[in-house]
């Protein structure tokens, strides 16, 4: 009888572990913002350390596609670090254990956001992408998204 109790307990534990919530990337909004679902909670995640071109900006659609391609069918891990003034959760996104911020910068799909980040490795990746003329660095004078938003009066709006 005691063996049956252990067996039932082990099966119950295995079922509980198998039923643990999975982190799912619901939608890529742009090159640095996604919608994440964890159990019954859905939230906008703004990737730390980078600033990607806006969707209407040059390379905006390419940046969005790059992040989508990286995370499509991937195991998603998120490490959150607070919220921004727009109510988005800030954090690091990993797709199959690849840091999405690093990937976007190294492919020339986002700027290293030196104003808000101290990750020197991203500065190096950006310099390499610039030297190779990758992504947005293919343009002679790419406009950083913070300047583009200021110039065209674009502000973050929740888009689902």
N, C-alpha and C. Protein backbone atom coordinates (compact mmCIF):
# COMPACT_ATOMS: atom_id res chain seq x y z
N UNK A 1 0.83 -1.19 0.00
CA UNK A 1 0.00 0.00 0.00
C UNK A 1 0.87 1.26 0.00
N UNK A 2 1.98 1.21 0.74
CA UNK A 2 2.87 2.37 0.82
C UNK A 2 3.50 2.64 -0.56
N UNK A 3 3.81 1.58 -1.32
CA UNK A 3 4.38 1.76 -2.65
C UNK A 3 3.39 2.46 -3.58
N UNK A 4 2.13 2.12 -3.46
CA UNK A 4 1.10 2.76 -4.30
C UNK A 4 1.02 4.24 -3.96
N UNK A 5 1.10 4.58 -2.69
CA UNK A 5 1.08 5.98 -2.26
C UNK A 5 2.24 6.76 -2.87
N UNK A 6 3.44 6.18 -2.84
CA UNK A 6 4.61 6.83 -3.44
C UNK A 6 4.44 6.96 -4.95
N UNK A 7 3.88 5.93 -5.58
CA UNK A 7 3.67 5.95 -7.01
C UNK A 7 2.68 7.05 -7.39
N UNK A 8 1.57 7.13 -6.66
CA UNK A 8 0.56 8.17 -6.94
C UNK A 8 1.15 9.55 -6.69
N UNK A 9 1.90 9.69 -5.60
CA UNK A 9 2.55 10.97 -5.29
C UNK A 9 3.53 11.38 -6.38
N UNK A 10 4.31 10.41 -6.88
CA UNK A 10 5.27 10.69 -7.94
C UNK A 10 4.59 11.09 -9.24
N UNK A 11 3.49 10.40 -9.58
CA UNK A 11 2.73 10.75 -10.77
C UNK A 11 2.12 12.14 -10.65
N UNK A 12 1.60 12.47 -9.46
CA UNK A 12 1.01 13.79 -9.25
C UNK A 12 2.08 14.87 -9.40
N UNK A 13 3.27 14.64 -8.83
CA UNK A 13 4.36 15.62 -8.95
C UNK A 13 4.77 15.79 -10.41
N UNK A 14 4.86 14.70 -11.15
CA UNK A 14 5.23 14.78 -12.56
C UNK A 14 4.19 15.55 -13.36
N UNK A 15 2.92 15.32 -13.07
CA UNK A 15 1.87 16.06 -13.76
C UNK A 15 1.95 17.55 -13.44
N UNK A 16 2.20 17.87 -12.19
CA UNK A 16 2.31 19.28 -11.80
C UNK A 16 3.49 19.95 -12.50
N UNK A 17 4.61 19.27 -12.55
CA UNK A 17 5.78 19.84 -13.22
C UNK A 17 5.52 20.01 -14.70
N UNK A 18 4.85 19.05 -15.31
CA UNK A 18 4.54 19.14 -16.73
C UNK A 18 3.53 20.23 -17.04
N UNK A 19 2.73 20.60 -16.04
CA UNK A 19 1.70 21.61 -16.25
C UNK A 19 2.19 23.01 -15.92
N UNK A 20 3.46 23.16 -15.57
CA UNK A 20 3.97 24.49 -15.26
C UNK A 20 3.78 25.41 -16.45
N UNK A 21 3.51 26.66 -16.12
CA UNK A 21 3.26 27.65 -17.18
C UNK A 21 4.50 27.87 -18.02
N UNK A 22 4.27 28.05 -19.27
CA UNK A 22 5.34 28.31 -20.21
C UNK A 22 5.27 29.78 -20.60
N UNK A 23 6.43 30.38 -20.80
CA UNK A 23 6.48 31.75 -21.28
C UNK A 23 6.33 31.71 -22.79
N UNK A 24 5.36 32.48 -23.29
CA UNK A 24 5.06 32.46 -24.72
C UNK A 24 5.19 33.88 -25.27
N UNK A 25 5.85 34.00 -26.40
CA UNK A 25 5.90 35.27 -27.10
C UNK A 25 4.65 35.32 -27.97
N UNK A 26 3.71 36.18 -27.61
CA UNK A 26 2.44 36.29 -28.32
C UNK A 26 2.60 37.05 -29.63
N UNK A 27 3.36 38.15 -29.61
CA UNK A 27 3.46 39.00 -30.79
C UNK A 27 4.69 39.88 -30.70
N UNK A 28 5.32 40.11 -31.84
CA UNK A 28 6.42 41.08 -31.94
C UNK A 28 5.80 42.39 -32.41
N UNK A 29 5.93 43.42 -31.61
CA UNK A 29 5.37 44.74 -31.95
C UNK A 29 6.33 45.47 -32.88
N UNK A 30 7.60 45.51 -32.49
CA UNK A 30 8.65 46.12 -33.32
C UNK A 30 9.98 45.49 -32.91
N UNK A 31 11.08 46.09 -33.28
CA UNK A 31 12.38 45.48 -33.05
C UNK A 31 12.87 45.45 -31.62
N UNK A 32 12.12 46.09 -30.70
CA UNK A 32 12.52 46.07 -29.30
C UNK A 32 11.35 45.94 -28.33
N UNK A 33 10.18 45.59 -28.83
CA UNK A 33 8.99 45.43 -27.98
C UNK A 33 8.19 44.23 -28.43
N UNK A 34 7.81 43.39 -27.47
CA UNK A 34 7.02 42.19 -27.75
C UNK A 34 5.89 42.08 -26.73
N UNK A 35 4.94 41.22 -27.03
CA UNK A 35 3.90 40.89 -26.07
C UNK A 35 4.19 39.48 -25.58
N UNK A 36 4.25 39.34 -24.26
CA UNK A 36 4.58 38.08 -23.60
C UNK A 36 3.37 37.59 -22.81
N UNK A 37 3.16 36.27 -22.82
CA UNK A 37 2.13 35.65 -21.98
C UNK A 37 2.79 34.65 -21.06
N UNK A 38 2.52 34.80 -19.77
CA UNK A 38 2.95 33.84 -18.76
C UNK A 38 1.73 33.50 -17.93
N UNK A 39 1.28 32.27 -18.01
CA UNK A 39 0.03 31.81 -17.40
C UNK A 39 -1.09 32.71 -17.89
N UNK A 40 -1.82 33.34 -16.99
CA UNK A 40 -2.96 34.18 -17.38
C UNK A 40 -2.57 35.64 -17.54
N UNK A 41 -1.29 35.95 -17.42
CA UNK A 41 -0.82 37.34 -17.48
C UNK A 41 -0.20 37.61 -18.84
N UNK A 42 -0.64 38.69 -19.47
CA UNK A 42 -0.08 39.13 -20.74
C UNK A 42 0.45 40.55 -20.55
N UNK A 43 1.65 40.82 -21.06
CA UNK A 43 2.23 42.15 -20.88
C UNK A 43 3.14 42.51 -22.05
N UNK A 44 3.33 43.82 -22.22
CA UNK A 44 4.29 44.33 -23.20
C UNK A 44 5.66 44.31 -22.55
N UNK A 45 6.64 43.74 -23.24
CA UNK A 45 8.02 43.72 -22.77
C UNK A 45 8.85 44.61 -23.67
N UNK A 46 9.50 45.59 -23.09
CA UNK A 46 10.42 46.48 -23.80
C UNK A 46 11.82 45.99 -23.49
N UNK A 47 12.56 45.59 -24.53
CA UNK A 47 13.90 45.06 -24.34
C UNK A 47 14.84 46.14 -23.80
N UNK A 48 15.56 45.77 -22.78
CA UNK A 48 16.55 46.67 -22.19
C UNK A 48 17.76 46.82 -23.11
N UNK A 49 18.45 47.91 -22.95
CA UNK A 49 19.77 48.16 -23.55
C UNK A 49 19.77 48.56 -25.02
N UNK A 50 18.62 48.49 -25.70
CA UNK A 50 18.61 48.82 -27.13
C UNK A 50 17.46 49.76 -27.46
N UNK A 51 17.55 50.37 -28.63
CA UNK A 51 16.46 51.15 -29.19
C UNK A 51 16.42 50.82 -30.68
N UNK A 52 15.34 50.21 -31.10
CA UNK A 52 15.20 49.79 -32.50
C UNK A 52 14.44 50.85 -33.29
N UNK A 53 14.65 50.87 -34.60
CA UNK A 53 13.89 51.81 -35.44
C UNK A 53 12.39 51.59 -35.27
N UNK A 54 11.64 52.70 -35.31
CA UNK A 54 10.18 52.60 -35.27
C UNK A 54 9.70 51.91 -36.54
N UNK A 55 8.52 51.32 -36.48
CA UNK A 55 8.02 50.55 -37.63
C UNK A 55 7.89 51.39 -38.89
N UNK A 56 7.58 52.68 -38.75
CA UNK A 56 7.41 53.55 -39.91
C UNK A 56 8.74 54.14 -40.37
N UNK A 57 9.78 53.91 -39.62
CA UNK A 57 11.10 54.46 -39.89
C UNK A 57 11.88 53.51 -40.80
N UNK A 58 12.90 54.03 -41.47
CA UNK A 58 13.78 53.18 -42.27
C UNK A 58 14.32 52.04 -41.40
N UNK A 59 14.27 50.84 -41.90
CA UNK A 59 14.71 49.61 -41.24
C UNK A 59 13.81 49.17 -40.08
N UNK A 60 12.70 49.86 -39.89
CA UNK A 60 11.77 49.48 -38.83
C UNK A 60 11.15 48.11 -39.07
N UNK A 61 10.70 47.86 -40.28
CA UNK A 61 10.09 46.57 -40.60
C UNK A 61 11.13 45.44 -40.60
N UNK A 62 12.33 45.75 -41.10
CA UNK A 62 13.39 44.73 -41.09
C UNK A 62 13.77 44.36 -39.64
N UNK A 63 13.80 45.36 -38.76
CA UNK A 63 14.13 45.11 -37.37
C UNK A 63 13.07 44.21 -36.72
N UNK A 64 11.82 44.51 -36.99
CA UNK A 64 10.72 43.70 -36.46
C UNK A 64 10.83 42.26 -36.97
N UNK A 65 11.07 42.10 -38.29
CA UNK A 65 11.20 40.75 -38.86
C UNK A 65 12.39 40.00 -38.27
N UNK A 66 13.47 40.72 -38.01
CA UNK A 66 14.66 40.09 -37.43
C UNK A 66 14.35 39.50 -36.05
N UNK A 67 13.66 40.27 -35.22
CA UNK A 67 13.31 39.78 -33.88
C UNK A 67 12.31 38.64 -33.99
N UNK A 68 11.37 38.74 -34.92
CA UNK A 68 10.40 37.66 -35.12
C UNK A 68 11.10 36.37 -35.53
N UNK A 69 12.04 36.48 -36.45
CA UNK A 69 12.77 35.31 -36.93
C UNK A 69 13.57 34.66 -35.79
N UNK A 70 14.22 35.47 -34.98
CA UNK A 70 15.01 34.95 -33.86
C UNK A 70 14.13 34.16 -32.89
N UNK A 71 12.94 34.66 -32.62
CA UNK A 71 12.11 34.09 -31.56
C UNK A 71 11.04 33.12 -32.05
N UNK A 72 10.87 32.99 -33.36
CA UNK A 72 9.86 32.10 -33.90
C UNK A 72 10.12 30.66 -33.47
N UNK A 73 9.13 30.04 -32.87
CA UNK A 73 9.21 28.65 -32.41
C UNK A 73 10.30 28.42 -31.37
N UNK A 74 10.77 29.48 -30.71
CA UNK A 74 11.86 29.36 -29.74
C UNK A 74 11.33 29.16 -28.32
N UNK A 75 12.18 28.60 -27.49
CA UNK A 75 11.91 28.58 -26.06
C UNK A 75 12.22 29.98 -25.55
N UNK A 76 11.25 30.59 -24.88
CA UNK A 76 11.34 31.99 -24.47
C UNK A 76 11.64 32.08 -22.97
N UNK A 77 12.61 32.91 -22.65
CA UNK A 77 12.93 33.22 -21.26
C UNK A 77 12.95 34.74 -21.12
N UNK A 78 12.34 35.22 -20.05
CA UNK A 78 12.29 36.66 -19.79
C UNK A 78 12.80 36.92 -18.38
N UNK A 79 13.67 37.91 -18.26
CA UNK A 79 14.12 38.38 -16.95
C UNK A 79 13.70 39.84 -16.87
N UNK A 80 12.73 40.13 -16.01
CA UNK A 80 12.17 41.48 -15.94
C UNK A 80 12.94 42.35 -14.95
N UNK A 81 12.87 43.67 -15.22
CA UNK A 81 13.54 44.64 -14.34
C UNK A 81 12.73 45.92 -14.25
N UNK A 82 11.49 45.83 -13.84
CA UNK A 82 10.68 47.02 -13.61
C UNK A 82 9.83 47.41 -14.80
N UNK A 83 9.36 48.68 -14.76
CA UNK A 83 8.51 49.19 -15.82
C UNK A 83 9.00 50.55 -16.29
N UNK A 84 8.62 50.90 -17.53
CA UNK A 84 8.95 52.24 -18.03
C UNK A 84 7.76 53.16 -17.81
N UNK A 85 7.90 54.42 -18.22
CA UNK A 85 6.86 55.41 -17.97
C UNK A 85 5.59 55.15 -18.78
N UNK A 86 5.64 54.24 -19.74
CA UNK A 86 4.47 53.90 -20.54
C UNK A 86 3.76 52.65 -20.03
N UNK A 87 4.24 52.08 -18.93
CA UNK A 87 3.62 50.90 -18.35
C UNK A 87 4.12 49.59 -18.92
N UNK A 88 5.10 49.65 -19.81
CA UNK A 88 5.66 48.42 -20.36
C UNK A 88 6.63 47.82 -19.34
N UNK A 89 6.67 46.51 -19.30
CA UNK A 89 7.66 45.83 -18.47
C UNK A 89 9.00 45.91 -19.18
N UNK A 90 10.03 46.21 -18.43
CA UNK A 90 11.40 46.26 -18.98
C UNK A 90 12.09 44.96 -18.65
N UNK A 91 12.89 44.48 -19.58
CA UNK A 91 13.61 43.25 -19.26
C UNK A 91 14.45 42.73 -20.41
N UNK A 92 15.02 41.57 -20.13
CA UNK A 92 15.86 40.87 -21.10
C UNK A 92 15.05 39.71 -21.68
N UNK A 93 15.13 39.55 -22.98
CA UNK A 93 14.44 38.48 -23.70
C UNK A 93 15.48 37.54 -24.27
N UNK A 94 15.28 36.25 -24.01
CA UNK A 94 16.15 35.22 -24.56
C UNK A 94 15.30 34.27 -25.39
N UNK A 95 15.72 34.02 -26.61
CA UNK A 95 15.04 33.11 -27.52
C UNK A 95 16.00 31.96 -27.78
N UNK A 96 15.63 30.77 -27.32
CA UNK A 96 16.55 29.62 -27.35
C UNK A 96 17.90 30.00 -26.75
N UNK A 97 17.84 30.71 -25.64
CA UNK A 97 19.01 31.13 -24.85
C UNK A 97 19.88 32.18 -25.54
N UNK A 98 19.40 32.75 -26.64
CA UNK A 98 20.13 33.83 -27.33
C UNK A 98 19.56 35.16 -26.83
N UNK A 99 20.43 36.05 -26.38
CA UNK A 99 20.02 37.37 -25.91
C UNK A 99 19.51 38.18 -27.11
N UNK A 100 18.23 38.51 -27.10
CA UNK A 100 17.61 39.21 -28.23
C UNK A 100 18.22 40.60 -28.44
N UNK A 101 18.56 41.29 -27.36
CA UNK A 101 19.16 42.63 -27.50
C UNK A 101 20.51 42.53 -28.20
N UNK A 102 21.33 41.57 -27.79
CA UNK A 102 22.64 41.38 -28.43
C UNK A 102 22.46 41.03 -29.91
N UNK A 103 21.52 40.15 -30.19
CA UNK A 103 21.29 39.73 -31.57
C UNK A 103 20.88 40.92 -32.43
N UNK A 104 19.96 41.72 -31.95
CA UNK A 104 19.47 42.86 -32.73
C UNK A 104 20.60 43.85 -33.01
N UNK A 105 21.42 44.13 -32.03
CA UNK A 105 22.53 45.08 -32.22
C UNK A 105 23.57 44.50 -33.18
N UNK A 106 23.91 43.23 -32.99
CA UNK A 106 24.96 42.63 -33.82
C UNK A 106 24.55 42.52 -35.29
N UNK A 107 23.24 42.45 -35.57
CA UNK A 107 22.75 42.37 -36.94
C UNK A 107 22.48 43.75 -37.55
N UNK A 108 22.71 44.79 -36.76
CA UNK A 108 22.44 46.14 -37.24
C UNK A 108 20.95 46.45 -37.28
N UNK A 109 20.19 45.83 -36.40
CA UNK A 109 18.74 46.02 -36.37
C UNK A 109 18.29 46.89 -35.20
N UNK A 110 19.25 47.37 -34.41
CA UNK A 110 18.93 48.25 -33.28
C UNK A 110 20.20 48.97 -32.85
N UNK A 111 20.00 50.09 -32.19
CA UNK A 111 21.11 50.84 -31.61
C UNK A 111 21.33 50.38 -30.18
N UNK A 112 22.57 50.36 -29.77
CA UNK A 112 22.90 50.22 -28.35
C UNK A 112 22.45 51.51 -27.69
N UNK A 113 21.69 51.41 -26.62
CA UNK A 113 21.15 52.59 -25.94
C UNK A 113 22.07 53.00 -24.80
N UNK A 114 23.17 53.66 -25.16
CA UNK A 114 24.20 54.03 -24.18
C UNK A 114 23.68 54.98 -23.11
N UNK A 115 22.61 55.68 -23.42
CA UNK A 115 22.06 56.62 -22.44
C UNK A 115 21.50 55.90 -21.21
N UNK A 116 20.97 54.69 -21.42
CA UNK A 116 20.33 53.96 -20.33
C UNK A 116 21.00 52.63 -20.00
N UNK A 117 22.09 52.31 -20.65
CA UNK A 117 22.72 51.00 -20.44
C UNK A 117 24.22 51.13 -20.27
N UNK A 118 24.76 50.25 -19.49
CA UNK A 118 26.21 50.19 -19.26
C UNK A 118 26.84 48.94 -19.87
N UNK A 119 26.09 48.21 -20.70
CA UNK A 119 26.60 46.95 -21.27
C UNK A 119 27.59 47.23 -22.39
N UNK A 120 28.85 47.31 -22.02
CA UNK A 120 29.92 47.65 -22.98
C UNK A 120 29.98 46.67 -24.14
N UNK A 121 29.61 45.43 -23.91
CA UNK A 121 29.65 44.43 -24.99
C UNK A 121 28.73 44.84 -26.14
N UNK A 122 27.63 45.49 -25.84
CA UNK A 122 26.72 45.92 -26.90
C UNK A 122 27.32 47.05 -27.72
N UNK A 123 28.10 47.89 -27.09
CA UNK A 123 28.79 48.97 -27.82
C UNK A 123 29.77 48.37 -28.82
N UNK A 124 30.47 47.33 -28.41
CA UNK A 124 31.41 46.64 -29.30
C UNK A 124 30.66 45.98 -30.45
N UNK A 125 29.56 45.32 -30.16
CA UNK A 125 28.76 44.69 -31.22
C UNK A 125 28.24 45.72 -32.21
N UNK A 126 27.84 46.88 -31.71
CA UNK A 126 27.36 47.94 -32.60
C UNK A 126 28.48 48.45 -33.49
N UNK A 127 29.67 48.64 -32.94
CA UNK A 127 30.81 49.09 -33.74
C UNK A 127 31.13 48.08 -34.85
N UNK A 128 31.05 46.80 -34.52
CA UNK A 128 31.31 45.76 -35.52
C UNK A 128 30.26 45.80 -36.63
N UNK A 129 28.98 45.95 -36.24
CA UNK A 129 27.91 46.02 -37.24
C UNK A 129 28.09 47.26 -38.12
N UNK A 130 28.50 48.38 -37.53
CA UNK A 130 28.74 49.60 -38.29
C UNK A 130 29.86 49.39 -39.31
N UNK A 131 30.96 48.81 -38.84
CA UNK A 131 32.11 48.59 -39.72
C UNK A 131 31.76 47.67 -40.88
N UNK A 132 30.86 46.71 -40.65
CA UNK A 132 30.46 45.77 -41.69
C UNK A 132 29.29 46.28 -42.53
N UNK A 133 28.73 47.42 -42.16
CA UNK A 133 27.60 47.98 -42.89
C UNK A 133 26.35 47.12 -42.82
N UNK A 134 26.13 46.49 -41.67
CA UNK A 134 24.98 45.59 -41.52
C UNK A 134 23.71 46.35 -41.19
N UNK A 135 22.60 45.87 -41.70
CA UNK A 135 21.29 46.41 -41.35
C UNK A 135 21.18 47.90 -41.56
N UNK A 136 20.77 48.60 -40.51
CA UNK A 136 20.57 50.04 -40.60
C UNK A 136 21.87 50.78 -40.88
N UNK A 137 23.01 50.15 -40.62
CA UNK A 137 24.31 50.77 -40.88
C UNK A 137 24.66 50.75 -42.37
N UNK A 138 23.80 50.14 -43.17
CA UNK A 138 23.96 50.18 -44.62
C UNK A 138 23.72 51.60 -45.14
N UNK A 139 22.82 52.32 -44.44
CA UNK A 139 22.56 53.73 -44.80
C UNK A 139 23.75 54.58 -44.38
N UNK A 140 24.03 55.61 -45.17
CA UNK A 140 25.16 56.51 -44.86
C UNK A 140 24.95 57.25 -43.54
N UNK A 141 23.72 57.70 -43.29
CA UNK A 141 23.42 58.47 -42.07
C UNK A 141 22.11 57.99 -41.45
N UNK A 142 22.10 56.81 -40.82
CA UNK A 142 20.86 56.34 -40.22
C UNK A 142 20.43 57.26 -39.08
N UNK A 143 19.14 57.48 -38.97
CA UNK A 143 18.60 58.36 -37.94
C UNK A 143 18.23 57.50 -36.72
N UNK A 144 18.81 57.79 -35.56
CA UNK A 144 18.45 57.03 -34.36
C UNK A 144 16.96 57.22 -34.04
N UNK A 145 16.32 56.21 -33.51
CA UNK A 145 14.88 56.30 -33.26
C UNK A 145 14.50 57.42 -32.30
N UNK A 146 15.33 57.73 -31.33
CA UNK A 146 15.00 58.81 -30.40
C UNK A 146 14.98 60.16 -31.13
N UNK A 147 15.82 60.33 -32.13
CA UNK A 147 15.78 61.56 -32.93
C UNK A 147 14.59 61.54 -33.88
N UNK A 148 14.30 60.38 -34.46
CA UNK A 148 13.17 60.24 -35.36
C UNK A 148 11.86 60.55 -34.63
N UNK A 149 11.69 60.00 -33.43
CA UNK A 149 10.47 60.26 -32.64
C UNK A 149 10.34 61.74 -32.32
N UNK A 150 11.46 62.37 -31.97
CA UNK A 150 11.44 63.79 -31.65
C UNK A 150 11.07 64.62 -32.89
N UNK A 151 11.65 64.26 -34.01
CA UNK A 151 11.42 64.98 -35.26
C UNK A 151 9.98 64.85 -35.74
N UNK A 152 9.42 63.66 -35.65
CA UNK A 152 8.09 63.42 -36.20
C UNK A 152 7.00 63.34 -35.13
N UNK A 153 7.36 63.64 -33.89
CA UNK A 153 6.35 63.68 -32.83
C UNK A 153 5.74 62.34 -32.51
N UNK A 154 6.47 61.27 -32.79
CA UNK A 154 5.96 59.94 -32.51
C UNK A 154 6.22 59.57 -31.06
N UNK A 155 5.21 59.08 -30.41
CA UNK A 155 5.32 58.61 -29.03
C UNK A 155 4.79 57.19 -28.97
N UNK A 156 5.19 56.51 -27.95
CA UNK A 156 4.75 55.12 -27.80
C UNK A 156 3.24 55.07 -27.62
N UNK A 157 2.61 54.18 -28.36
CA UNK A 157 1.18 53.90 -28.20
C UNK A 157 1.04 52.39 -28.15
N UNK A 158 0.24 51.92 -27.22
CA UNK A 158 0.00 50.48 -27.16
C UNK A 158 -0.67 50.01 -28.42
N UNK A 159 -0.07 49.03 -29.04
CA UNK A 159 -0.63 48.47 -30.26
C UNK A 159 -0.65 46.97 -30.15
N UNK A 160 -1.82 46.41 -30.30
CA UNK A 160 -1.93 44.96 -30.17
C UNK A 160 -2.50 44.36 -31.42
